[in-house]
Amino acid sequence: GRMSLLVPPGTYTVTLQVGDQEYTQQLQVLKDPNTEGTEEDIRAQTAMLRDIRGDMNAAADMINRIEWIRRQLYDLKAVLEDQGGAEEIVTAARELDEQLVGVEDNLIQLKLTGTGQDGVRWPAMLVGKLGHLASGVAVGDFPPTDQQREVHQLLKQRLARYQGELDELLRTNVVEFNRVLRERNLAPVISGLP
């Protein structure tokens, strides 16, 4: 899922579209008078939350791309297993699927079932850690701590590493797999999103 953000205090232009009519109005967002955070604190907090949201969206896009390719591999394996005589391609599809899962496993906890003690039983992966960090940063109207900034940089580095691993798989293994498919007059796996 995508993460939504509150906006810091300031003047905003709000546009409402109803059919062909457009209504525009200025809106003043005020700071909560009961909060101890300054407007500068809130701006720093919002900037970091926006940055974390960007990282979470990038990870979500990677997961969606991996799942899109894996779906095609499953469909292809099902067709080939029905036809028979294509064990080499079925094996290659299984290996490619395992490599994709190897990247996806770092991004999201694939063992989660949505029931019972999942959160305790299985460690959070990158998306879960980014979500946890965002929750901590969003508490109150305070600027991010040095520790939160350090954790975010660490998670950013991991995201870049996993993106690199996925890019490498798409550039080499997926391209090679598609070459084999084309030799057998089979449609290639599409590595982008639909």
C-alpha atoms as a PDB file:
ATOM      1  CA  GLY A   1       0.000   0.000   0.000  1.00  0.00           C
ATOM      2  CA  ARG A   2       0.905   3.638  -0.402  1.00  0.00           C
ATOM      3  CA  MET A   3       1.561   5.917   2.526  1.00  0.00           C
ATOM      4  CA  SER A   4      -0.300   9.245   2.865  1.00  0.00           C
ATOM      5  CA  LEU A   5       1.118  12.334   4.570  1.00  0.00           C
ATOM      6  CA  LEU A   6      -0.160  15.302   6.509  1.00  0.00           C
ATOM      7  CA  VAL A   7       1.134  18.665   5.309  1.00  0.00           C
ATOM      8  CA  PRO A   8       3.107  21.114   7.458  1.00  0.00           C
ATOM      9  CA  PRO A   9       1.646  24.517   8.421  1.00  0.00           C
ATOM     10  CA  GLY A  10       1.466  26.982   5.537  1.00  0.00           C
ATOM     11  CA  THR A  11      -0.747  28.395   2.785  1.00  0.00           C
ATOM     12  CA  TYR A  12      -2.048  25.941   0.203  1.00  0.00           C
ATOM     13  CA  THR A  13      -4.173  26.210  -2.918  1.00  0.00           C
ATOM     14  CA  VAL A  14      -7.013  23.681  -2.990  1.00  0.00           C
ATOM     15  CA  THR A  15      -8.745  22.874  -6.281  1.00  0.00           C
ATOM     16  CA  LEU A  16     -12.079  21.052  -6.419  1.00  0.00           C
ATOM     17  CA  GLN A  17     -13.311  19.718  -9.751  1.00  0.00           C
ATOM     18  CA  VAL A  18     -17.035  19.035 -10.189  1.00  0.00           C
ATOM     19  CA  GLY A  19     -17.834  17.934 -13.736  1.00  0.00           C
ATOM     20  CA  ASP A  20     -16.444  20.669 -16.006  1.00  0.00           C
ATOM     21  CA  GLN A  21     -16.359  23.253 -13.206  1.00  0.00           C
ATOM     22  CA  GLU A  22     -13.190  23.960 -11.246  1.00  0.00           C
ATOM     23  CA  TYR A  23     -13.231  25.755  -7.887  1.00  0.00           C
ATOM     24  CA  THR A  24      -9.973  27.059  -6.430  1.00  0.00           C
ATOM     25  CA  GLN A  25      -9.456  28.450  -2.955  1.00  0.00           C
ATOM     26  CA  GLN A  26      -6.553  29.369  -0.697  1.00  0.00           C
ATOM     27  CA  LEU A  27      -6.324  27.368   2.522  1.00  0.00           C
ATOM     28  CA  GLN A  28      -4.283  28.228   5.594  1.00  0.00           C
ATOM     29  CA  VAL A  29      -3.046  25.216   7.583  1.00  0.00           C
ATOM     30  CA  LEU A  30      -2.239  26.312  11.141  1.00  0.00           C
ATOM     31  CA  LYS A  31       0.067  24.669  13.635  1.00  0.00           C
ATOM     32  CA  ASP A  32      -1.624  22.910  16.536  1.00  0.00           C
ATOM     33  CA  PRO A  33      -1.336  25.497  19.358  1.00  0.00           C
ATOM     34  CA  ASN A  34      -0.946  22.669  21.907  1.00  0.00           C
ATOM     35  CA  THR A  35       2.120  21.106  20.294  1.00  0.00           C
ATOM     36  CA  GLU A  36       5.675  21.746  21.479  1.00  0.00           C
ATOM     37  CA  GLY A  37       7.129  21.345  17.987  1.00  0.00           C
ATOM     38  CA  THR A  38       8.059  24.443  16.001  1.00  0.00           C
ATOM     39  CA  GLU A  39       7.029  24.943  12.376  1.00  0.00           C
ATOM     40  CA  GLU A  40      10.639  24.180  11.389  1.00  0.00           C
ATOM     41  CA  ASP A  41      10.460  20.903  13.377  1.00  0.00           C
ATOM     42  CA  ILE A  42       7.271  19.940  11.564  1.00  0.00           C
ATOM     43  CA  ARG A  43       8.790  20.802   8.158  1.00  0.00           C
ATOM     44  CA  ALA A  44      11.821  18.576   8.921  1.00  0.00           C
ATOM     45  CA  GLN A  45       9.524  15.774  10.066  1.00  0.00           C
ATOM     46  CA  THR A  46       7.334  16.054   6.948  1.00  0.00           C
ATOM     47  CA  ALA A  47      10.380  16.131   4.638  1.00  0.00           C
ATOM     48  CA  MET A  48      11.705  12.902   6.127  1.00  0.00           C
ATOM     49  CA  LEU A  49       8.292  11.217   6.007  1.00  0.00           C
ATOM     50  CA  ARG A  50       8.015  12.210   2.324  1.00  0.00           C
ATOM     51  CA  ASP A  51      11.469  10.714   1.711  1.00  0.00           C
ATOM     52  CA  ILE A  52      10.537   7.468   3.497  1.00  0.00           C
ATOM     53  CA  ARG A  53       7.294   7.325   1.506  1.00  0.00           C
ATOM     54  CA  GLY A  54       9.343   7.594  -1.712  1.00  0.00           C
ATOM     55  CA  ASP A  55      11.505   4.673  -0.577  1.00  0.00           C
ATOM     56  CA  MET A  56       8.437   2.594   0.347  1.00  0.00           C
ATOM     57  CA  ASN A  57       6.877   3.335  -3.052  1.00  0.00           C
ATOM     58  CA  ALA A  58      10.118   2.352  -4.825  1.00  0.00           C
ATOM     59  CA  ALA A  59      10.170  -0.938  -2.890  1.00  0.00           C
ATOM     60  CA  ALA A  60       6.473  -1.520  -3.676  1.00  0.00           C
ATOM     61  CA  ASP A  61       7.182  -0.952  -7.389  1.00  0.00           C
ATOM     62  CA  MET A  62      10.003  -3.523  -7.247  1.00  0.00           C
ATOM     63  CA  ILE A  63       7.737  -6.063  -5.534  1.00  0.00           C
ATOM     64  CA  ASN A  64       4.979  -5.472  -8.107  1.00  0.00           C
ATOM     65  CA  ARG A  65       7.464  -5.936 -10.948  1.00  0.00           C
ATOM     66  CA  ILE A  66       8.809  -9.172  -9.448  1.00  0.00           C
ATOM     67  CA  GLU A  67       5.288 -10.511  -8.860  1.00  0.00           C
ATOM     68  CA  TRP A  68       4.312  -9.629 -12.451  1.00  0.00           C
ATOM     69  CA  ILE A  69       7.248 -11.660 -13.819  1.00  0.00           C
ATOM     70  CA  ARG A  70       6.626 -14.539 -11.385  1.00  0.00           C
ATOM     71  CA  ARG A  71       2.959 -14.680 -12.437  1.00  0.00           C
ATOM     72  CA  GLN A  72       4.070 -15.081 -16.068  1.00  0.00           C
ATOM     73  CA  LEU A  73       6.528 -17.812 -15.077  1.00  0.00           C
ATOM     74  CA  TYR A  74       3.797 -19.734 -13.235  1.00  0.00           C
ATOM     75  CA  ASP A  75       1.444 -19.438 -16.216  1.00  0.00           C
ATOM     76  CA  LEU A  76       4.202 -20.542 -18.613  1.00  0.00           C
ATOM     77  CA  LYS A  77       5.146 -23.530 -16.406  1.00  0.00           C
ATOM     78  CA  ALA A  78       1.491 -24.611 -16.243  1.00  0.00           C
ATOM     79  CA  VAL A  79       1.156 -24.518 -20.066  1.00  0.00           C
ATOM     80  CA  LEU A  80       4.471 -26.332 -20.657  1.00  0.00           C
ATOM     81  CA  GLU A  81       3.753 -28.999 -18.042  1.00  0.00           C
ATOM     82  CA  ASP A  82       0.414 -29.688 -19.761  1.00  0.00           C
ATOM     83  CA  GLN A  83       2.120 -30.002 -23.169  1.00  0.00           C
ATOM     84  CA  GLY A  84       5.065 -32.022 -21.845  1.00  0.00           C
ATOM     85  CA  GLY A  85       8.530 -32.311 -23.367  1.00  0.00           C
ATOM     86  CA  ALA A  86       9.769 -28.926 -22.163  1.00  0.00           C
ATOM     87  CA  GLU A  87      11.437 -29.960 -18.915  1.00  0.00           C
ATOM     88  CA  GLU A  88      14.501 -27.782 -19.631  1.00  0.00           C
ATOM     89  CA  ILE A  89      12.395 -24.602 -19.823  1.00  0.00           C
ATOM     90  CA  VAL A  90      10.292 -25.588 -16.794  1.00  0.00           C
ATOM     91  CA  THR A  91      13.516 -26.074 -14.807  1.00  0.00           C
ATOM     92  CA  ALA A  92      14.903 -22.728 -16.051  1.00  0.00           C
ATOM     93  CA  ALA A  93      11.616 -21.012 -15.094  1.00  0.00           C
ATOM     94  CA  ARG A  94      11.804 -22.540 -11.612  1.00  0.00           C
ATOM     95  CA  GLU A  95      15.412 -21.323 -11.182  1.00  0.00           C
ATOM     96  CA  LEU A  96      14.533 -17.804 -12.363  1.00  0.00           C
ATOM     97  CA  ASP A  97      11.561 -17.752  -9.975  1.00  0.00           C
ATOM     98  CA  GLU A  98      13.864 -18.708  -7.084  1.00  0.00           C
ATOM     99  CA  GLN A  99      16.268 -15.894  -8.006  1.00  0.00           C
ATOM    100  CA  LEU A 100      13.407 -13.373  -8.087  1.00  0.00           C
ATOM    101  CA  VAL A 101      12.154 -14.620  -4.703  1.00  0.00           C
ATOM    102  CA  GLY A 102      15.715 -14.140  -3.414  1.00  0.00           C
ATOM    103  CA  VAL A 103      15.395 -10.402  -4.078  1.00  0.00           C
ATOM    104  CA  GLU A 104      11.749 -10.145  -2.997  1.00  0.00           C
ATOM    105  CA  ASP A 105      12.516 -11.896   0.297  1.00  0.00           C
ATOM    106  CA  ASN A 106      14.706  -8.928   1.271  1.00  0.00           C
ATOM    107  CA  LEU A 107      11.940  -6.440   0.527  1.00  0.00           C
ATOM    108  CA  ILE A 108       8.929  -8.039   2.170  1.00  0.00           C
ATOM    109  CA  GLN A 109       8.281 -10.880   4.585  1.00  0.00           C
ATOM    110  CA  LEU A 110       6.811 -13.555   2.290  1.00  0.00           C
ATOM    111  CA  LYS A 111       5.996 -15.926   5.165  1.00  0.00           C
ATOM    112  CA  LEU A 112       3.296 -13.648   6.609  1.00  0.00           C
ATOM    113  CA  THR A 113      -0.140 -15.255   6.678  1.00  0.00           C
ATOM    114  CA  GLY A 114      -2.059 -12.381   8.276  1.00  0.00           C
ATOM    115  CA  THR A 115      -2.962 -14.499  11.279  1.00  0.00           C
ATOM    116  CA  GLY A 116      -1.654 -15.364  14.722  1.00  0.00           C
ATOM    117  CA  GLN A 117       1.884 -14.512  15.760  1.00  0.00           C
ATOM    118  CA  ASP A 118       3.271 -13.571  12.338  1.00  0.00           C
ATOM    119  CA  GLY A 119       4.867 -10.328  13.523  1.00  0.00           C
ATOM    120  CA  VAL A 120       6.710 -12.097  16.324  1.00  0.00           C
ATOM    121  CA  ARG A 121       7.579 -15.258  14.416  1.00  0.00           C
ATOM    122  CA  TRP A 122       9.064 -13.723  11.244  1.00  0.00           C
ATOM    123  CA  PRO A 123      11.460 -10.742  11.143  1.00  0.00           C
ATOM    124  CA  ALA A 124      10.391  -7.552   9.329  1.00  0.00           C
ATOM    125  CA  MET A 125      12.081  -7.004   5.994  1.00  0.00           C
ATOM    126  CA  LEU A 126      12.862  -3.664   4.292  1.00  0.00           C
ATOM    127  CA  VAL A 127       9.278  -2.476   3.704  1.00  0.00           C
ATOM    128  CA  GLY A 128       8.311  -3.365   7.287  1.00  0.00           C
ATOM    129  CA  LYS A 129      11.369  -1.576   8.655  1.00  0.00           C
ATOM    130  CA  LEU A 130      10.614   1.555   6.614  1.00  0.00           C
ATOM    131  CA  GLY A 131       7.024   1.476   7.894  1.00  0.00           C
ATOM    132  CA  HIS A 132       8.218   1.115  11.466  1.00  0.00           C
ATOM    133  CA  LEU A 133      10.641   4.021  10.995  1.00  0.00           C
ATOM    134  CA  ALA A 134       7.863   6.199   9.512  1.00  0.00           C
ATOM    135  CA  SER A 135       5.639   5.436  12.513  1.00  0.00           C
ATOM    136  CA  GLY A 136       8.395   6.544  14.877  1.00  0.00           C
ATOM    137  CA  VAL A 137       9.134   9.743  12.934  1.00  0.00           C
ATOM    138  CA  ALA A 138       5.409  10.617  12.753  1.00  0.00           C
ATOM    139  CA  VAL A 139       4.927  10.634  16.557  1.00  0.00           C
ATOM    140  CA  GLY A 140       4.128  14.158  17.795  1.00  0.00           C
ATOM    141  CA  ASP A 141       5.422  17.245  16.004  1.00  0.00           C
ATOM    142  CA  PHE A 142       9.119  16.677  16.506  1.00  0.00           C
ATOM    143  CA  PRO A 143      12.019  16.694  14.036  1.00  0.00           C
ATOM    144  CA  PRO A 144      13.643  13.345  13.211  1.00  0.00           C
ATOM    145  CA  THR A 145      16.349  12.253  15.652  1.00  0.00           C
ATOM    146  CA  ASP A 146      19.938  11.585  14.548  1.00  0.00           C
ATOM    147  CA  GLN A 147      19.305   7.886  15.165  1.00  0.00           C
ATOM    148  CA  GLN A 148      16.230   7.897  12.905  1.00  0.00           C
ATOM    149  CA  ARG A 149      18.245   9.637  10.184  1.00  0.00           C
ATOM    150  CA  GLU A 150      21.043   7.048  10.498  1.00  0.00           C
ATOM    151  CA  VAL A 151      18.559   4.160  10.309  1.00  0.00           C
ATOM    152  CA  HIS A 152      16.968   5.724   7.233  1.00  0.00           C
ATOM    153  CA  GLN A 153      20.331   6.046   5.475  1.00  0.00           C
ATOM    154  CA  LEU A 154      21.062   2.398   6.229  1.00  0.00           C
ATOM    155  CA  LEU A 155      17.680   1.325   4.841  1.00  0.00           C
ATOM    156  CA  LYS A 156      18.225   3.558   1.769  1.00  0.00           C
ATOM    157  CA  GLN A 157      21.535   1.776   1.103  1.00  0.00           C
ATOM    158  CA  ARG A 158      19.797  -1.609   1.349  1.00  0.00           C
ATOM    159  CA  LEU A 159      17.051  -0.461  -1.021  1.00  0.00           C
ATOM    160  CA  ALA A 160      19.690   0.638  -3.558  1.00  0.00           C
ATOM    161  CA  ARG A 161      21.460  -2.732  -3.204  1.00  0.00           C
ATOM    162  CA  TYR A 162      18.249  -4.712  -3.780  1.00  0.00           C
ATOM    163  CA  GLN A 163      17.348  -2.466  -6.732  1.00  0.00           C
ATOM    164  CA  GLY A 164      20.788  -3.230  -8.174  1.00  0.00           C
ATOM    165  CA  GLU A 165      20.250  -6.979  -7.681  1.00  0.00           C
ATOM    166  CA  LEU A 166      16.872  -6.820  -9.432  1.00  0.00           C
ATOM    167  CA  ASP A 167      18.281  -4.718 -12.291  1.00  0.00           C
ATOM    168  CA  GLU A 168      21.087  -7.269 -12.736  1.00  0.00           C
ATOM    169  CA  LEU A 169      18.575 -10.152 -12.861  1.00  0.00           C
ATOM    170  CA  LEU A 170      16.488  -8.324 -15.471  1.00  0.00           C
ATOM    171  CA  ARG A 171      19.588  -7.459 -17.523  1.00  0.00           C
ATOM    172  CA  THR A 172      21.106 -10.959 -17.513  1.00  0.00           C
ATOM    173  CA  ASN A 173      18.975 -13.886 -16.318  1.00  0.00           C
ATOM    174  CA  VAL A 174      15.618 -12.654 -17.639  1.00  0.00           C
ATOM    175  CA  VAL A 175      17.167 -11.684 -20.997  1.00  0.00           C
ATOM    176  CA  GLU A 176      18.819 -15.124 -21.262  1.00  0.00           C
ATOM    177  CA  PHE A 177      15.569 -16.882 -20.309  1.00  0.00           C
ATOM    178  CA  ASN A 178      13.710 -14.921 -23.018  1.00  0.00           C
ATOM    179  CA  ARG A 179      16.371 -15.890 -25.571  1.00  0.00           C
ATOM    180  CA  VAL A 180      15.711 -19.575 -24.816  1.00  0.00           C
ATOM    181  CA  LEU A 181      11.940 -19.002 -25.118  1.00  0.00           C
ATOM    182  CA  ARG A 182      12.329 -17.289 -28.503  1.00  0.00           C
ATOM    183  CA  GLU A 183      14.460 -20.209 -29.778  1.00  0.00           C
ATOM    184  CA  ARG A 184      11.486 -22.473 -28.978  1.00  0.00           C
ATOM    185  CA  ASN A 185       9.044 -20.021 -30.631  1.00  0.00           C
ATOM    186  CA  LEU A 186       7.530 -19.110 -27.260  1.00  0.00           C
ATOM    187  CA  ALA A 187       6.475 -15.602 -26.234  1.00  0.00           C
ATOM    188  CA  PRO A 188       9.061 -13.867 -24.013  1.00  0.00           C
ATOM    189  CA  VAL A 189       8.460 -12.924 -20.394  1.00  0.00           C
ATOM    190  CA  ILE A 190       7.618  -9.231 -20.084  1.00  0.00           C
ATOM    191  CA  SER A 191       9.878  -7.694 -17.436  1.00  0.00           C
ATOM    192  CA  GLY A 192       8.094  -4.316 -17.169  1.00  0.00           C
ATOM    193  CA  LEU A 193       4.742  -3.698 -15.500  1.00  0.00           C
ATOM    194  CA  PRO A 194       1.489  -4.116 -17.458  1.00  0.00           C
END
